[in-house]
Amino acid sequence: MVISSLRQTGAMNEPKDGMDISLIILDFEKKKLQYAGANNPLFLIRKNELIQYKADKMPVSFHQKRDVPFTKHTIALEPDDKIYLFSDGYVDQFGGEKGMKFMAKI
C-alpha cells in the first residue's frame, strides 16, 4: 500500500522515498504485543533491564529487499513493562553548520 501510494515502480530516476516505522499490535486480554520494525527498533524496559528488539534493515518502500517479509516479534507482556517506540523524524533532519543529518547511535 505504501509503495502504491508513493507511485514507485523501481525506475532509476524516481525519488527513493520510503518510511521507517515501528508498528505494534497490542492484545490487552492476552497480554501480548506483536512488533515489526522498518529500521526502527522497539525498546522494552522490564525489571530495570533494557531489552532491544531489532528492526529489519529495510524501509517500507520500493527497494532491493521488497520481497522479503518483515520479521514479526511476539512478546509476552509482564506487569510494569515499559515500551518505547520512536520515529526517525528528528535524526533524519538536516541542519547544523555542515547541513548534515543528526543521526543516532543505538
N, C-alpha and C. Protein backbone atom coordinates (compact mmCIF):
# COMPACT_ATOMS: atom_id res chain seq x y z
N MET A 1 0.82 -1.18 0.00
CA MET A 1 0.00 0.00 0.00
C MET A 1 0.87 1.26 0.00
N VAL A 2 1.95 1.26 0.78
CA VAL A 2 2.83 2.43 0.82
C VAL A 2 3.48 2.64 -0.54
N ILE A 3 3.98 1.57 -1.14
CA ILE A 3 4.64 1.68 -2.44
C ILE A 3 3.69 2.22 -3.49
N SER A 4 2.44 1.73 -3.50
CA SER A 4 1.49 2.24 -4.48
C SER A 4 1.13 3.70 -4.19
N SER A 5 1.05 4.08 -2.91
CA SER A 5 0.77 5.47 -2.56
C SER A 5 1.90 6.40 -3.00
N LEU A 6 3.12 5.90 -2.93
CA LEU A 6 4.28 6.69 -3.37
C LEU A 6 4.46 6.64 -4.89
N ARG A 7 3.66 5.80 -5.55
CA ARG A 7 3.73 5.60 -7.00
C ARG A 7 5.13 5.18 -7.44
N GLN A 8 5.71 4.25 -6.69
CA GLN A 8 7.05 3.77 -7.01
C GLN A 8 6.98 2.56 -7.93
N THR A 9 7.87 2.57 -8.93
CA THR A 9 7.95 1.45 -9.87
C THR A 9 9.33 0.81 -9.87
N GLY A 10 10.30 1.47 -9.25
CA GLY A 10 11.66 0.97 -9.26
C GLY A 10 12.53 1.60 -10.32
N ALA A 11 11.98 2.56 -11.06
CA ALA A 11 12.77 3.24 -12.09
C ALA A 11 13.93 4.00 -11.45
N MET A 12 15.05 4.04 -12.13
CA MET A 12 16.27 4.65 -11.58
C MET A 12 16.11 6.14 -11.30
N ASN A 13 15.28 6.84 -12.07
CA ASN A 13 15.19 8.29 -11.93
C ASN A 13 14.10 8.76 -10.97
N GLU A 14 13.36 7.86 -10.35
CA GLU A 14 12.30 8.29 -9.45
C GLU A 14 12.82 8.49 -8.03
N PRO A 15 12.14 9.32 -7.24
CA PRO A 15 12.57 9.52 -5.85
C PRO A 15 12.56 8.21 -5.07
N LYS A 16 13.46 8.09 -4.14
CA LYS A 16 13.57 6.87 -3.33
C LYS A 16 12.91 7.10 -1.96
N ASP A 17 11.73 7.69 -1.97
CA ASP A 17 11.01 7.93 -0.72
C ASP A 17 10.59 6.62 -0.09
N GLY A 18 10.50 6.63 1.20
CA GLY A 18 10.06 5.46 1.94
C GLY A 18 9.72 5.85 3.36
N MET A 19 9.61 4.86 4.20
CA MET A 19 9.21 5.13 5.57
C MET A 19 9.91 4.15 6.50
N ASP A 20 10.47 4.69 7.57
CA ASP A 20 11.00 3.87 8.66
C ASP A 20 9.95 3.93 9.77
N ILE A 21 9.58 2.78 10.31
CA ILE A 21 8.47 2.76 11.26
C ILE A 21 8.60 1.57 12.21
N SER A 22 8.08 1.75 13.39
CA SER A 22 7.86 0.65 14.33
C SER A 22 6.35 0.47 14.42
N LEU A 23 5.88 -0.72 14.18
CA LEU A 23 4.45 -0.98 14.19
C LEU A 23 4.15 -2.05 15.23
N ILE A 24 3.16 -1.78 16.08
CA ILE A 24 2.80 -2.76 17.10
C ILE A 24 1.30 -3.03 17.08
N ILE A 25 0.96 -4.22 17.52
CA ILE A 25 -0.42 -4.61 17.79
C ILE A 25 -0.44 -5.08 19.23
N LEU A 26 -1.27 -4.46 20.04
CA LEU A 26 -1.39 -4.84 21.45
C LEU A 26 -2.65 -5.66 21.66
N ASP A 27 -2.50 -6.80 22.32
CA ASP A 27 -3.64 -7.62 22.73
C ASP A 27 -3.69 -7.55 24.25
N PHE A 28 -4.55 -6.67 24.77
CA PHE A 28 -4.61 -6.45 26.20
C PHE A 28 -5.16 -7.66 26.96
N GLU A 29 -6.07 -8.40 26.33
CA GLU A 29 -6.64 -9.57 27.00
C GLU A 29 -5.60 -10.67 27.19
N LYS A 30 -4.81 -10.93 26.15
CA LYS A 30 -3.79 -11.99 26.23
C LYS A 30 -2.44 -11.46 26.73
N LYS A 31 -2.36 -10.15 26.94
CA LYS A 31 -1.12 -9.51 27.40
C LYS A 31 0.05 -9.85 26.48
N LYS A 32 -0.21 -9.64 25.18
CA LYS A 32 0.82 -9.90 24.16
C LYS A 32 0.95 -8.69 23.26
N LEU A 33 2.13 -8.56 22.71
CA LEU A 33 2.43 -7.48 21.79
C LEU A 33 3.08 -8.09 20.56
N GLN A 34 2.66 -7.66 19.38
CA GLN A 34 3.33 -8.05 18.14
C GLN A 34 4.02 -6.81 17.60
N TYR A 35 5.25 -6.97 17.17
CA TYR A 35 6.05 -5.85 16.70
C TYR A 35 6.75 -6.20 15.40
N ALA A 36 6.78 -5.26 14.48
CA ALA A 36 7.60 -5.34 13.28
C ALA A 36 8.22 -3.96 13.07
N GLY A 37 9.48 -3.93 12.70
CA GLY A 37 10.16 -2.66 12.55
C GLY A 37 10.88 -2.52 11.23
N ALA A 38 10.71 -1.35 10.62
CA ALA A 38 11.44 -0.99 9.41
C ALA A 38 12.48 0.05 9.83
N ASN A 39 13.68 -0.40 10.13
CA ASN A 39 14.81 0.43 10.56
C ASN A 39 14.65 1.05 11.94
N ASN A 40 13.53 0.89 12.60
CA ASN A 40 13.32 1.45 13.94
C ASN A 40 13.06 0.32 14.93
N PRO A 41 13.93 0.17 15.93
CA PRO A 41 13.75 -0.90 16.91
C PRO A 41 12.66 -0.58 17.93
N LEU A 42 12.35 -1.57 18.73
CA LEU A 42 11.46 -1.40 19.88
C LEU A 42 12.31 -1.61 21.12
N PHE A 43 12.14 -0.75 22.10
CA PHE A 43 12.83 -0.90 23.38
C PHE A 43 11.81 -1.27 24.44
N LEU A 44 12.16 -2.26 25.24
CA LEU A 44 11.32 -2.72 26.34
C LEU A 44 12.14 -2.62 27.62
N ILE A 45 11.58 -1.95 28.62
CA ILE A 45 12.20 -1.91 29.95
C ILE A 45 11.42 -2.88 30.81
N ARG A 46 12.12 -3.90 31.30
CA ARG A 46 11.49 -4.91 32.15
C ARG A 46 12.39 -5.12 33.37
N LYS A 47 11.82 -4.87 34.54
CA LYS A 47 12.57 -5.03 35.80
C LYS A 47 13.90 -4.28 35.74
N ASN A 48 13.84 -3.04 35.28
CA ASN A 48 15.00 -2.15 35.17
C ASN A 48 16.07 -2.64 34.20
N GLU A 49 15.71 -3.53 33.30
CA GLU A 49 16.64 -4.02 32.27
C GLU A 49 16.14 -3.58 30.91
N LEU A 50 17.06 -3.09 30.06
CA LEU A 50 16.72 -2.67 28.71
C LEU A 50 16.84 -3.85 27.76
N ILE A 51 15.76 -4.13 27.04
CA ILE A 51 15.74 -5.19 26.04
C ILE A 51 15.44 -4.53 24.70
N GLN A 52 16.29 -4.78 23.70
CA GLN A 52 16.08 -4.20 22.38
C GLN A 52 15.62 -5.29 21.41
N TYR A 53 14.52 -5.02 20.73
CA TYR A 53 14.05 -5.89 19.64
C TYR A 53 14.47 -5.20 18.35
N LYS A 54 15.34 -5.84 17.62
CA LYS A 54 15.93 -5.21 16.44
C LYS A 54 14.94 -5.13 15.29
N ALA A 55 15.07 -4.06 14.56
CA ALA A 55 14.26 -3.85 13.37
C ALA A 55 14.96 -4.49 12.17
N ASP A 56 14.18 -4.75 11.13
CA ASP A 56 14.77 -5.19 9.87
C ASP A 56 15.43 -3.97 9.23
N LYS A 57 16.58 -4.18 8.61
CA LYS A 57 17.34 -3.10 7.98
C LYS A 57 16.83 -2.86 6.56
N MET A 58 15.58 -2.43 6.50
CA MET A 58 14.98 -2.08 5.21
C MET A 58 13.80 -1.16 5.48
N PRO A 59 13.54 -0.23 4.56
CA PRO A 59 12.41 0.68 4.74
C PRO A 59 11.13 0.06 4.19
N VAL A 60 10.04 0.71 4.45
CA VAL A 60 8.78 0.38 3.79
C VAL A 60 8.77 1.22 2.52
N SER A 61 9.16 0.63 1.40
CA SER A 61 9.23 1.32 0.12
C SER A 61 9.66 0.33 -0.95
N PHE A 62 9.85 0.84 -2.15
CA PHE A 62 10.37 0.03 -3.25
C PHE A 62 11.88 -0.03 -3.08
N HIS A 63 12.44 -1.17 -2.77
CA HIS A 63 13.87 -1.31 -2.51
C HIS A 63 14.30 -2.73 -2.86
N GLN A 64 15.59 -3.01 -2.67
CA GLN A 64 16.15 -4.30 -3.10
C GLN A 64 15.52 -5.50 -2.39
N LYS A 65 15.17 -5.36 -1.12
CA LYS A 65 14.63 -6.49 -0.36
C LYS A 65 13.10 -6.48 -0.29
N ARG A 66 12.45 -5.83 -1.22
CA ARG A 66 11.00 -5.62 -1.10
C ARG A 66 10.19 -6.93 -1.06
N ASP A 67 10.76 -8.03 -1.53
CA ASP A 67 10.04 -9.31 -1.50
C ASP A 67 10.27 -10.08 -0.20
N VAL A 68 11.13 -9.56 0.67
CA VAL A 68 11.42 -10.20 1.96
C VAL A 68 10.43 -9.67 2.99
N PRO A 69 9.70 -10.55 3.68
CA PRO A 69 8.73 -10.05 4.67
C PRO A 69 9.45 -9.51 5.91
N PHE A 70 8.79 -8.60 6.59
CA PHE A 70 9.33 -8.07 7.84
C PHE A 70 9.21 -9.13 8.93
N THR A 71 10.17 -9.13 9.85
CA THR A 71 10.17 -10.06 10.97
C THR A 71 9.10 -9.63 11.96
N LYS A 72 8.26 -10.59 12.38
CA LYS A 72 7.24 -10.29 13.39
C LYS A 72 7.69 -10.89 14.71
N HIS A 73 7.84 -10.02 15.71
CA HIS A 73 8.21 -10.45 17.06
C HIS A 73 6.93 -10.51 17.89
N THR A 74 6.74 -11.59 18.63
CA THR A 74 5.63 -11.68 19.58
C THR A 74 6.22 -11.68 20.98
N ILE A 75 5.75 -10.74 21.79
CA ILE A 75 6.32 -10.52 23.12
C ILE A 75 5.22 -10.70 24.16
N ALA A 76 5.45 -11.58 25.14
CA ALA A 76 4.53 -11.72 26.27
C ALA A 76 4.82 -10.58 27.24
N LEU A 77 3.81 -9.80 27.54
CA LEU A 77 3.99 -8.64 28.41
C LEU A 77 3.83 -9.01 29.88
N GLU A 78 4.59 -8.33 30.71
CA GLU A 78 4.52 -8.53 32.16
C GLU A 78 4.10 -7.22 32.81
N PRO A 79 3.57 -7.29 34.04
CA PRO A 79 3.19 -6.05 34.74
C PRO A 79 4.39 -5.10 34.84
N ASP A 80 4.13 -3.83 34.68
CA ASP A 80 5.13 -2.75 34.78
C ASP A 80 6.11 -2.70 33.62
N ASP A 81 5.91 -3.48 32.55
CA ASP A 81 6.74 -3.33 31.36
C ASP A 81 6.53 -1.94 30.78
N LYS A 82 7.59 -1.38 30.24
CA LYS A 82 7.52 -0.08 29.56
C LYS A 82 8.02 -0.28 28.14
N ILE A 83 7.23 0.21 27.17
CA ILE A 83 7.54 0.04 25.76
C ILE A 83 7.88 1.40 25.18
N TYR A 84 8.97 1.46 24.44
CA TYR A 84 9.38 2.72 23.81
C TYR A 84 9.50 2.53 22.30
N LEU A 85 8.77 3.36 21.58
CA LEU A 85 8.84 3.43 20.12
C LEU A 85 9.24 4.85 19.76
N PHE A 86 9.82 5.02 18.62
CA PHE A 86 10.18 6.37 18.19
C PHE A 86 10.20 6.43 16.68
N SER A 87 10.23 7.64 16.16
CA SER A 87 10.31 7.82 14.72
C SER A 87 11.72 8.26 14.35
N ASP A 88 11.97 8.35 13.07
CA ASP A 88 13.25 8.84 12.59
C ASP A 88 13.17 10.32 12.26
N GLY A 89 12.07 10.95 12.61
CA GLY A 89 11.85 12.35 12.24
C GLY A 89 12.95 13.29 12.69
N TYR A 90 13.41 13.15 13.91
CA TYR A 90 14.44 14.06 14.42
C TYR A 90 15.81 13.72 13.84
N VAL A 91 16.18 12.47 13.88
CA VAL A 91 17.53 12.08 13.46
C VAL A 91 17.75 12.22 11.96
N ASP A 92 16.68 12.25 11.16
CA ASP A 92 16.82 12.38 9.71
C ASP A 92 16.79 13.84 9.24
N GLN A 93 16.67 14.79 10.15
CA GLN A 93 16.62 16.19 9.77
C GLN A 93 18.02 16.70 9.44
N PHE A 94 18.10 17.51 8.39
CA PHE A 94 19.37 18.14 8.03
C PHE A 94 19.51 19.44 8.80
N GLY A 95 20.71 19.74 9.26
CA GLY A 95 20.92 21.00 9.97
C GLY A 95 22.34 21.14 10.46
N GLY A 96 22.55 22.11 11.32
CA GLY A 96 23.87 22.37 11.86
C GLY A 96 24.75 23.10 10.87
N GLU A 97 25.96 23.38 11.28
CA GLU A 97 26.90 24.13 10.45
C GLU A 97 27.22 23.43 9.14
N LYS A 98 27.24 22.10 9.16
CA LYS A 98 27.60 21.34 7.96
C LYS A 98 26.39 20.87 7.17
N GLY A 99 25.18 21.16 7.66
CA GLY A 99 23.97 20.75 6.95
C GLY A 99 23.82 19.25 6.84
N MET A 100 24.27 18.52 7.86
CA MET A 100 24.22 17.05 7.84
C MET A 100 23.10 16.54 8.73
N LYS A 101 22.75 15.26 8.56
CA LYS A 101 21.75 14.64 9.42
C LYS A 101 22.30 14.48 10.83
N PHE A 102 21.40 14.60 11.82
CA PHE A 102 21.79 14.45 13.22
C PHE A 102 22.26 13.02 13.48
N MET A 103 21.52 12.02 13.00
CA MET A 103 21.82 10.59 13.13
C MET A 103 21.65 10.10 14.57
N ALA A 104 21.70 8.81 14.75
CA ALA A 104 21.56 8.20 16.07
C ALA A 104 22.47 6.99 16.16
N LYS A 105 22.99 6.74 17.34
CA LYS A 105 23.77 5.53 17.59
C LYS A 105 23.04 4.75 18.65
N ILE A 106 22.67 3.52 18.30
CA ILE A 106 21.93 2.67 19.23
C ILE A 106 22.75 1.43 19.50
